[in-house]
N, C-alpha and C. Protein backbone atom coordinates (compact mmCIF):
# COMPACT_ATOMS: atom_id res chain seq x y z
N MET A 1 -122.40 -10.33 10.92
CA MET A 1 -123.56 -9.53 11.24
C MET A 1 -122.97 -8.28 11.60
N ILE A 2 -123.31 -7.35 11.46
CA ILE A 2 -123.19 -5.99 12.44
C ILE A 2 -124.36 -5.97 13.72
N THR A 3 -123.97 -5.90 14.83
CA THR A 3 -125.11 -6.14 15.77
C THR A 3 -124.66 -4.78 16.84
N VAL A 4 -125.86 -4.00 17.38
CA VAL A 4 -125.62 -3.44 18.43
C VAL A 4 -126.99 -3.04 18.97
N THR A 5 -126.67 -3.47 20.55
CA THR A 5 -127.79 -3.51 21.36
C THR A 5 -128.71 -2.41 21.01
N GLY A 6 -130.17 -2.60 20.91
CA GLY A 6 -131.23 -1.33 20.58
C GLY A 6 -131.39 -1.01 19.26
N TYR A 7 -130.34 -1.59 18.30
CA TYR A 7 -130.35 -1.22 16.96
C TYR A 7 -130.57 -2.44 16.36
N HIS A 8 -130.96 -2.18 14.84
CA HIS A 8 -131.38 -3.24 14.17
C HIS A 8 -130.71 -2.83 12.35
N PHE A 9 -129.83 -3.37 12.30
CA PHE A 9 -129.00 -3.16 11.06
C PHE A 9 -129.86 -3.14 9.69
N VAL A 10 -130.04 -1.65 8.66
CA VAL A 10 -130.73 -1.77 7.53
C VAL A 10 -129.76 -2.17 6.64
N HIS A 11 -128.71 -1.12 6.51
CA HIS A 11 -128.17 -0.80 5.05
C HIS A 11 -126.39 -0.29 5.74
N LEU A 12 -125.31 -1.07 4.79
CA LEU A 12 -124.16 -0.89 5.05
C LEU A 12 -124.13 0.56 4.11
N VAL A 13 -123.46 1.42 4.73
CA VAL A 13 -123.04 2.66 3.74
C VAL A 13 -121.84 2.78 3.38
N TYR A 14 -120.78 2.08 3.86
CA TYR A 14 -119.52 2.42 4.01
C TYR A 14 -118.59 1.49 4.85
N GLU A 15 -117.58 0.80 4.33
CA GLU A 15 -116.72 0.12 5.05
C GLU A 15 -115.47 0.04 4.79
N ASP A 16 -114.41 0.38 5.84
CA ASP A 16 -112.93 -0.28 5.42
C ASP A 16 -112.49 -0.96 6.49
N ASP A 17 -110.87 -1.11 6.47
CA ASP A 17 -110.55 -2.42 7.48
C ASP A 17 -110.90 -1.66 8.59
N ASN A 18 -111.38 -0.51 9.39
CA ASN A 18 -111.72 -0.12 10.49
C ASN A 18 -112.78 0.16 11.23
N ILE A 19 -113.78 0.69 10.19
CA ILE A 19 -115.06 0.95 10.73
C ILE A 19 -115.97 0.84 9.45
N TRP A 20 -117.26 0.43 10.57
CA TRP A 20 -118.47 0.41 9.50
C TRP A 20 -119.51 1.74 9.57
N ILE A 21 -120.22 2.04 8.64
CA ILE A 21 -120.73 3.10 8.59
C ILE A 21 -122.24 2.57 8.24
N CYS A 22 -123.39 2.75 9.24
CA CYS A 22 -124.57 2.18 8.63
C CYS A 22 -125.98 2.63 8.77
N HIS A 23 -126.71 2.67 8.26
CA HIS A 23 -128.35 2.97 8.56
C HIS A 23 -128.96 1.76 9.06
N ALA A 24 -129.57 2.12 10.29
CA ALA A 24 -130.15 1.06 11.41
C ALA A 24 -131.08 2.02 12.08
N TYR A 25 -131.90 0.74 12.30
CA TYR A 25 -133.42 1.30 12.91
C TYR A 25 -133.06 1.42 14.51
N SER A 26 -133.47 2.41 15.17
CA SER A 26 -133.21 2.72 16.63
C SER A 26 -134.51 2.70 17.60
N GLU A 27 -134.46 1.48 18.17
CA GLU A 27 -135.61 1.19 19.10
C GLU A 27 -135.78 2.34 20.26
N HIS A 28 -134.81 3.00 20.48
CA HIS A 28 -135.17 4.00 21.39
C HIS A 28 -135.54 5.43 21.14
N VAL A 29 -135.24 5.51 19.43
CA VAL A 29 -136.03 6.78 19.46
C VAL A 29 -137.19 6.61 17.81
N SER A 30 -137.23 4.94 17.66
CA SER A 30 -138.13 4.55 16.90
C SER A 30 -138.14 4.86 15.46
N ARG A 31 -136.84 5.30 15.06
CA ARG A 31 -136.36 5.64 13.39
C ARG A 31 -135.24 5.20 13.13
N ILE A 32 -134.99 5.38 12.06
CA ILE A 32 -133.70 5.13 11.15
C ILE A 32 -132.61 6.18 11.53
N ILE A 33 -131.54 5.59 11.90
CA ILE A 33 -130.09 6.56 12.17
C ILE A 33 -129.16 6.16 11.25
N LEU A 34 -128.22 6.79 11.61
CA LEU A 34 -126.69 6.53 11.00
C LEU A 34 -125.86 6.18 12.21
N TRP A 35 -125.29 4.77 11.97
CA TRP A 35 -124.04 4.81 12.46
C TRP A 35 -122.71 4.33 12.38
N LYS A 36 -121.70 4.89 13.39
CA LYS A 36 -120.36 4.85 12.83
C LYS A 36 -119.71 3.84 13.83
N MET A 37 -119.18 2.75 13.60
CA MET A 37 -118.61 1.74 14.38
C MET A 37 -117.44 1.18 14.12
N VAL A 38 -116.83 1.11 15.19
CA VAL A 38 -115.34 0.58 14.92
C VAL A 38 -115.01 -0.73 15.41
N LYS A 39 -114.61 -1.04 14.02
CA LYS A 39 -114.31 -2.71 13.72
C LYS A 39 -113.31 -3.26 15.09
N ASP A 40 -113.58 -4.62 15.41
CA ASP A 40 -112.74 -5.33 16.43
C ASP A 40 -111.90 -5.95 15.53
N GLY A 41 -110.31 -5.73 16.15
CA GLY A 41 -109.05 -5.88 15.57
C GLY A 41 -107.65 -5.13 16.07
N PRO A 42 -106.57 -5.12 15.45
CA PRO A 42 -105.50 -4.93 15.94
C PRO A 42 -105.52 -2.96 16.57
N ARG A 43 -106.08 -2.66 15.63
CA ARG A 43 -106.28 -1.11 15.54
C ARG A 43 -107.75 -0.63 16.33
N THR A 44 -108.04 -1.48 17.20
CA THR A 44 -109.43 -1.05 17.40
C THR A 44 -109.56 0.15 18.89
N MET A 45 -108.62 -0.35 19.77
CA MET A 45 -108.17 0.76 20.79
C MET A 45 -107.69 2.55 20.39
N ILE A 46 -107.07 2.61 19.15
CA ILE A 46 -106.60 3.49 18.38
C ILE A 46 -108.11 4.34 18.06
N GLU A 47 -108.70 3.23 17.35
CA GLU A 47 -109.99 3.92 16.28
C GLU A 47 -110.99 4.13 17.22
N ASN A 48 -110.84 3.74 18.45
CA ASN A 48 -112.05 3.99 19.59
C ASN A 48 -111.66 5.17 19.93
N SER A 49 -110.24 5.51 20.17
CA SER A 49 -109.91 7.15 20.57
C SER A 49 -110.30 7.84 19.48
N LYS A 50 -110.11 7.61 18.36
CA LYS A 50 -110.36 8.53 17.54
C LYS A 50 -112.12 9.11 17.20
N LEU A 51 -112.87 8.08 17.46
CA LEU A 51 -113.94 8.32 17.52
C LEU A 51 -114.69 8.76 18.66
N ILE A 52 -114.10 8.72 19.95
CA ILE A 52 -114.37 9.34 20.87
C ILE A 52 -114.04 11.21 20.85
N HIS A 53 -112.71 11.47 20.12
CA HIS A 53 -112.45 12.56 19.83
C HIS A 53 -113.42 13.16 19.01
N GLU A 54 -113.51 12.66 17.87
CA GLU A 54 -114.42 12.70 16.80
C GLU A 54 -116.03 13.26 17.53
N TYR A 55 -116.32 12.72 18.66
CA TYR A 55 -117.63 13.12 18.98
C TYR A 55 -117.47 14.15 19.96
N GLU A 56 -116.58 14.62 20.82
CA GLU A 56 -116.20 15.59 21.57
C GLU A 56 -116.00 16.86 20.77
N THR A 57 -115.24 16.57 19.80
CA THR A 57 -115.10 17.84 18.66
C THR A 57 -116.47 18.36 18.06
N LEU A 58 -117.02 17.28 17.34
CA LEU A 58 -118.53 17.40 16.84
C LEU A 58 -119.30 18.02 17.27
N ALA A 59 -119.66 17.23 18.68
CA ALA A 59 -120.65 17.88 19.38
C ALA A 59 -120.77 19.08 19.72
N LEU A 60 -119.73 19.88 19.53
CA LEU A 60 -119.36 21.10 20.37
C LEU A 60 -119.78 22.28 18.85
N LEU A 61 -119.83 21.80 17.76
CA LEU A 61 -119.06 22.47 16.54
C LEU A 61 -120.61 22.75 15.91
N GLU A 62 -120.60 24.02 15.51
CA GLU A 62 -121.86 24.46 14.79
C GLU A 62 -121.40 24.92 13.29
N ILE A 63 -121.18 24.12 12.25
CA ILE A 63 -120.48 24.67 10.64
C ILE A 63 -121.72 23.71 9.87
N GLU A 64 -122.35 24.71 9.08
CA GLU A 64 -123.04 24.04 8.20
C GLU A 64 -122.35 22.85 7.49
N GLY A 65 -122.93 21.81 6.98
CA GLY A 65 -122.25 20.75 6.31
C GLY A 65 -121.40 19.66 7.15
N ILE A 66 -121.19 19.96 8.29
CA ILE A 66 -120.34 18.86 9.07
C ILE A 66 -121.61 18.10 9.55
N LEU A 67 -121.76 16.77 9.80
CA LEU A 67 -122.18 15.76 10.37
C LEU A 67 -122.44 15.99 11.86
N LYS A 68 -123.36 16.05 12.53
CA LYS A 68 -123.34 16.27 14.21
C LYS A 68 -123.66 15.36 14.55
N PRO A 69 -122.78 14.67 15.65
CA PRO A 69 -123.36 13.31 16.34
C PRO A 69 -124.15 13.64 17.52
N HIS A 70 -125.18 12.92 18.07
CA HIS A 70 -125.70 13.02 19.01
C HIS A 70 -125.64 12.28 20.21
N THR A 71 -125.14 10.82 20.13
CA THR A 71 -124.72 9.50 20.89
C THR A 71 -123.39 9.17 20.72
N LEU A 72 -122.68 8.39 21.73
CA LEU A 72 -121.65 8.18 21.77
C LEU A 72 -121.62 6.67 22.85
N LEU A 73 -121.58 5.56 22.30
CA LEU A 73 -122.08 4.48 23.11
C LEU A 73 -121.07 3.48 22.86
N ARG A 74 -120.96 2.52 23.86
CA ARG A 74 -119.96 1.20 23.73
C ARG A 74 -120.58 0.20 23.49
N GLN A 75 -119.93 -0.64 22.26
CA GLN A 75 -120.82 -2.01 22.32
C GLN A 75 -119.19 -3.00 22.26
N GLY A 76 -119.59 -3.49 23.19
CA GLY A 76 -118.37 -4.81 23.52
C GLY A 76 -117.29 -3.83 23.75
N GLY A 77 -116.06 -3.98 22.86
CA GLY A 77 -115.06 -3.31 22.96
C GLY A 77 -114.94 -2.64 21.99
N SER A 78 -116.02 -1.86 21.38
CA SER A 78 -116.15 -1.13 20.01
C SER A 78 -116.83 0.26 20.77
N MET A 79 -116.27 1.46 20.27
CA MET A 79 -117.42 2.41 20.17
C MET A 79 -118.22 2.79 19.01
N VAL A 80 -119.27 3.10 19.39
CA VAL A 80 -120.48 3.65 18.09
C VAL A 80 -120.46 4.97 18.35
N LEU A 81 -120.93 5.88 17.08
CA LEU A 81 -121.27 7.12 17.25
C LEU A 81 -122.25 6.92 16.45
N ILE A 82 -123.41 7.73 16.99
CA ILE A 82 -124.87 7.78 16.47
C ILE A 82 -125.12 8.98 15.65
N PHE A 83 -125.51 9.28 14.76
CA PHE A 83 -125.94 10.47 14.21
C PHE A 83 -127.50 10.18 13.53
N ASP A 84 -128.14 11.52 13.77
CA ASP A 84 -129.52 11.72 12.64
C ASP A 84 -129.41 10.93 11.35
N ILE A 85 -130.44 10.45 10.84
CA ILE A 85 -129.95 9.64 9.17
C ILE A 85 -130.00 10.94 8.35
N ILE A 86 -129.46 11.00 7.20
CA ILE A 86 -129.04 11.70 6.26
C ILE A 86 -129.42 10.70 5.10
N ASN A 87 -129.96 11.41 3.69
CA ASN A 87 -130.09 10.71 2.47
C ASN A 87 -128.84 11.66 2.01
N GLY A 88 -128.30 10.53 1.40
CA GLY A 88 -126.97 11.07 0.61
C GLY A 88 -126.27 9.90 0.10
N ILE A 89 -124.82 10.38 -0.90
CA ILE A 89 -124.24 9.21 -1.28
C ILE A 89 -123.00 9.78 -1.17
N VAL A 90 -121.66 8.94 -0.76
CA VAL A 90 -120.73 9.39 -0.67
C VAL A 90 -120.01 9.57 -2.12
N LEU A 91 -119.25 10.79 -2.08
CA LEU A 91 -118.60 11.32 -2.98
C LEU A 91 -117.81 10.41 -4.52
N ARG A 92 -117.25 9.46 -3.75
CA ARG A 92 -116.49 8.07 -4.78
C ARG A 92 -117.84 7.47 -5.46
N GLN A 93 -119.09 7.27 -4.85
CA GLN A 93 -119.76 6.53 -5.55
C GLN A 93 -120.58 7.57 -6.67
N TYR A 94 -120.86 8.86 -5.93
CA TYR A 94 -121.53 9.42 -7.14
C TYR A 94 -120.54 9.58 -8.54
N MET A 95 -119.40 10.04 -8.32
CA MET A 95 -118.33 10.31 -9.43
C MET A 95 -118.71 8.86 -10.12
N TYR A 96 -118.70 7.84 -9.28
CA TYR A 96 -118.91 6.31 -10.31
C TYR A 96 -120.02 6.06 -11.13
N ALA A 97 -121.23 6.91 -10.86
CA ALA A 97 -122.26 6.70 -11.27
C ALA A 97 -122.37 7.10 -12.55
N GLY A 98 -121.64 8.10 -13.17
CA GLY A 98 -121.74 8.69 -14.17
C GLY A 98 -120.94 9.91 -14.35
N ARG A 99 -121.22 10.39 -15.57
CA ARG A 99 -120.08 11.55 -15.98
C ARG A 99 -121.02 12.83 -15.20
N THR A 100 -119.89 13.40 -14.68
CA THR A 100 -120.47 14.63 -14.06
C THR A 100 -119.97 16.07 -14.63
N GLU A 101 -120.96 16.88 -15.04
CA GLU A 101 -120.44 18.18 -15.93
C GLU A 101 -119.65 18.79 -14.85
N THR A 102 -118.76 19.50 -15.76
CA THR A 102 -117.73 20.24 -15.21
C THR A 102 -118.29 21.49 -13.87
N LEU A 103 -119.25 21.87 -14.41
CA LEU A 103 -119.89 23.02 -13.61
C LEU A 103 -120.32 22.47 -12.63
N HIS A 104 -120.85 21.34 -12.27
CA HIS A 104 -121.54 20.62 -11.00
C HIS A 104 -120.42 20.10 -10.37
N PHE A 105 -119.21 19.60 -10.84
CA PHE A 105 -118.08 19.41 -10.14
C PHE A 105 -117.48 20.30 -9.61
N LEU A 106 -117.23 21.59 -10.23
CA LEU A 106 -116.89 22.94 -9.67
C LEU A 106 -117.39 23.00 -8.42
N LYS A 107 -118.67 22.94 -8.21
CA LYS A 107 -119.75 23.69 -7.24
C LYS A 107 -119.54 22.48 -6.16
N ILE A 108 -119.35 21.20 -6.36
CA ILE A 108 -119.45 20.50 -5.28
C ILE A 108 -117.80 20.67 -4.70
N ALA A 109 -116.92 20.81 -5.50
CA ALA A 109 -115.50 21.14 -4.95
C ALA A 109 -115.59 22.33 -4.38
N ILE A 110 -116.38 23.68 -4.57
CA ILE A 110 -116.11 25.00 -4.05
C ILE A 110 -116.72 24.72 -2.70
N LYS A 111 -118.28 23.89 -2.68
CA LYS A 111 -118.81 23.59 -1.24
C LYS A 111 -117.77 22.95 0.02
N ILE A 112 -116.92 21.97 -0.84
CA ILE A 112 -115.87 20.85 0.12
C ILE A 112 -114.94 21.99 0.68
N CYS A 113 -114.43 23.05 -0.51
CA CYS A 113 -113.32 24.12 0.64
C CYS A 113 -113.93 24.98 1.17
N ASP A 114 -115.27 25.55 0.66
CA ASP A 114 -115.90 25.85 2.27
C ASP A 114 -116.12 25.56 3.20
N ILE A 115 -116.25 24.53 3.46
CA ILE A 115 -116.57 23.64 4.43
C ILE A 115 -115.20 23.33 5.58
N LEU A 116 -113.99 23.23 4.46
CA LEU A 116 -112.66 22.95 4.97
C LEU A 116 -111.98 24.42 5.36
N VAL A 117 -112.56 25.75 4.82
CA VAL A 117 -112.23 26.55 5.46
C VAL A 117 -113.00 26.70 6.89
N GLU A 118 -113.73 26.55 7.24
CA GLU A 118 -114.61 26.83 8.21
C GLU A 118 -114.04 25.74 9.40
N LEU A 119 -113.34 24.48 9.08
CA LEU A 119 -112.95 23.66 9.98
C LEU A 119 -112.06 24.20 10.31
N HIS A 120 -110.89 24.86 9.44
CA HIS A 120 -110.00 25.35 9.59
C HIS A 120 -109.94 26.84 10.63
N ARG A 121 -110.98 27.45 10.43
CA ARG A 121 -111.44 28.55 11.20
C ARG A 121 -111.12 28.24 12.55
N HIS A 122 -111.77 27.03 12.67
CA HIS A 122 -111.93 26.37 14.16
C HIS A 122 -110.51 25.59 14.69
N GLU A 123 -109.77 25.78 14.38
CA GLU A 123 -108.49 25.19 14.27
C GLU A 123 -108.37 23.57 14.05
N LEU A 124 -109.26 22.86 13.44
CA LEU A 124 -109.51 21.93 13.23
C LEU A 124 -109.05 21.34 11.71
N LEU A 125 -108.21 20.01 11.95
CA LEU A 125 -107.84 19.33 10.59
C LEU A 125 -108.53 18.12 10.52
N HIS A 126 -109.02 17.96 9.35
CA HIS A 126 -109.90 17.03 9.19
C HIS A 126 -109.11 15.22 9.39
N LEU A 127 -107.79 15.69 8.27
CA LEU A 127 -106.96 14.41 8.26
C LEU A 127 -107.15 13.23 7.55
N ASN A 128 -108.55 13.08 7.12
CA ASN A 128 -108.99 11.77 6.23
C ASN A 128 -109.69 12.57 5.00
N ILE A 129 -109.25 13.45 4.44
CA ILE A 129 -110.53 14.07 3.72
C ILE A 129 -110.00 12.90 1.93
N ARG A 130 -111.23 12.76 1.76
CA ARG A 130 -111.01 11.70 0.42
C ARG A 130 -112.57 11.21 0.22
N PRO A 131 -112.75 10.89 -0.94
CA PRO A 131 -114.10 10.33 -1.52
C PRO A 131 -115.02 9.84 -0.84
N ASP A 132 -114.20 8.98 -0.08
CA ASP A 132 -115.02 7.80 0.61
C ASP A 132 -115.79 8.66 2.25
N THR A 133 -115.10 9.64 2.44
CA THR A 133 -115.47 10.25 3.58
C THR A 133 -116.14 11.55 3.37
N ILE A 134 -116.74 11.99 2.09
CA ILE A 134 -117.62 13.01 2.16
C ILE A 134 -118.77 12.65 1.17
N ILE A 135 -119.87 13.04 2.04
CA ILE A 135 -121.33 12.84 1.77
C ILE A 135 -121.93 13.62 0.78
N LEU A 136 -121.98 13.68 0.06
CA LEU A 136 -122.97 14.42 -0.59
C LEU A 136 -124.86 14.22 -0.50
N VAL A 137 -125.01 15.40 0.38
CA VAL A 137 -126.40 15.03 0.72
C VAL A 137 -127.52 15.65 -0.19
N CYS A 138 -127.66 16.88 -0.59
CA CYS A 138 -128.32 17.49 -1.51
C CYS A 138 -127.61 18.59 -2.29
N ILE A 139 -127.90 17.76 -3.54
CA ILE A 139 -127.62 18.98 -4.65
C ILE A 139 -128.77 19.78 -5.43
N VAL A 140 -128.18 21.05 -5.15
CA VAL A 140 -129.49 21.95 -5.99
C VAL A 140 -128.50 22.94 -6.90
N TRP A 141 -128.70 22.92 -7.96
CA TRP A 141 -127.94 23.67 -9.07
C TRP A 141 -128.29 24.93 -9.62
N ASP A 142 -128.19 25.90 -9.29
CA ASP A 142 -128.32 26.90 -9.82
C ASP A 142 -129.24 27.16 -11.10
């Protein structure tokens, strides 16, 4: 069971060997939030450093389409990054959910490229672009 003091686990959004991304209820703000937590293991120190860097970088960034964290905290030996809740689906789940029209796929791809261009304008590299790290929040078709 995933536990963080002051937060109650609601739903697992994504998990890999190093992190959990979950929806949780925050007692501090009395609402559901999104948390990204480093797992305990041989890479904990490296992953904690990456999460600290992510927080420091994103907290100052103003780019539409980039999730902005509002809190970084320590839980035991792991770091936890807190974001406001978003309703979305990771790109991999979206693609597995059913056939995607070519036009819709291209609109998604163009939006992802636009966001990457903005990151590069700020001299930032993501280094982990893949269908599991891209969240589709709202899709509006013309």
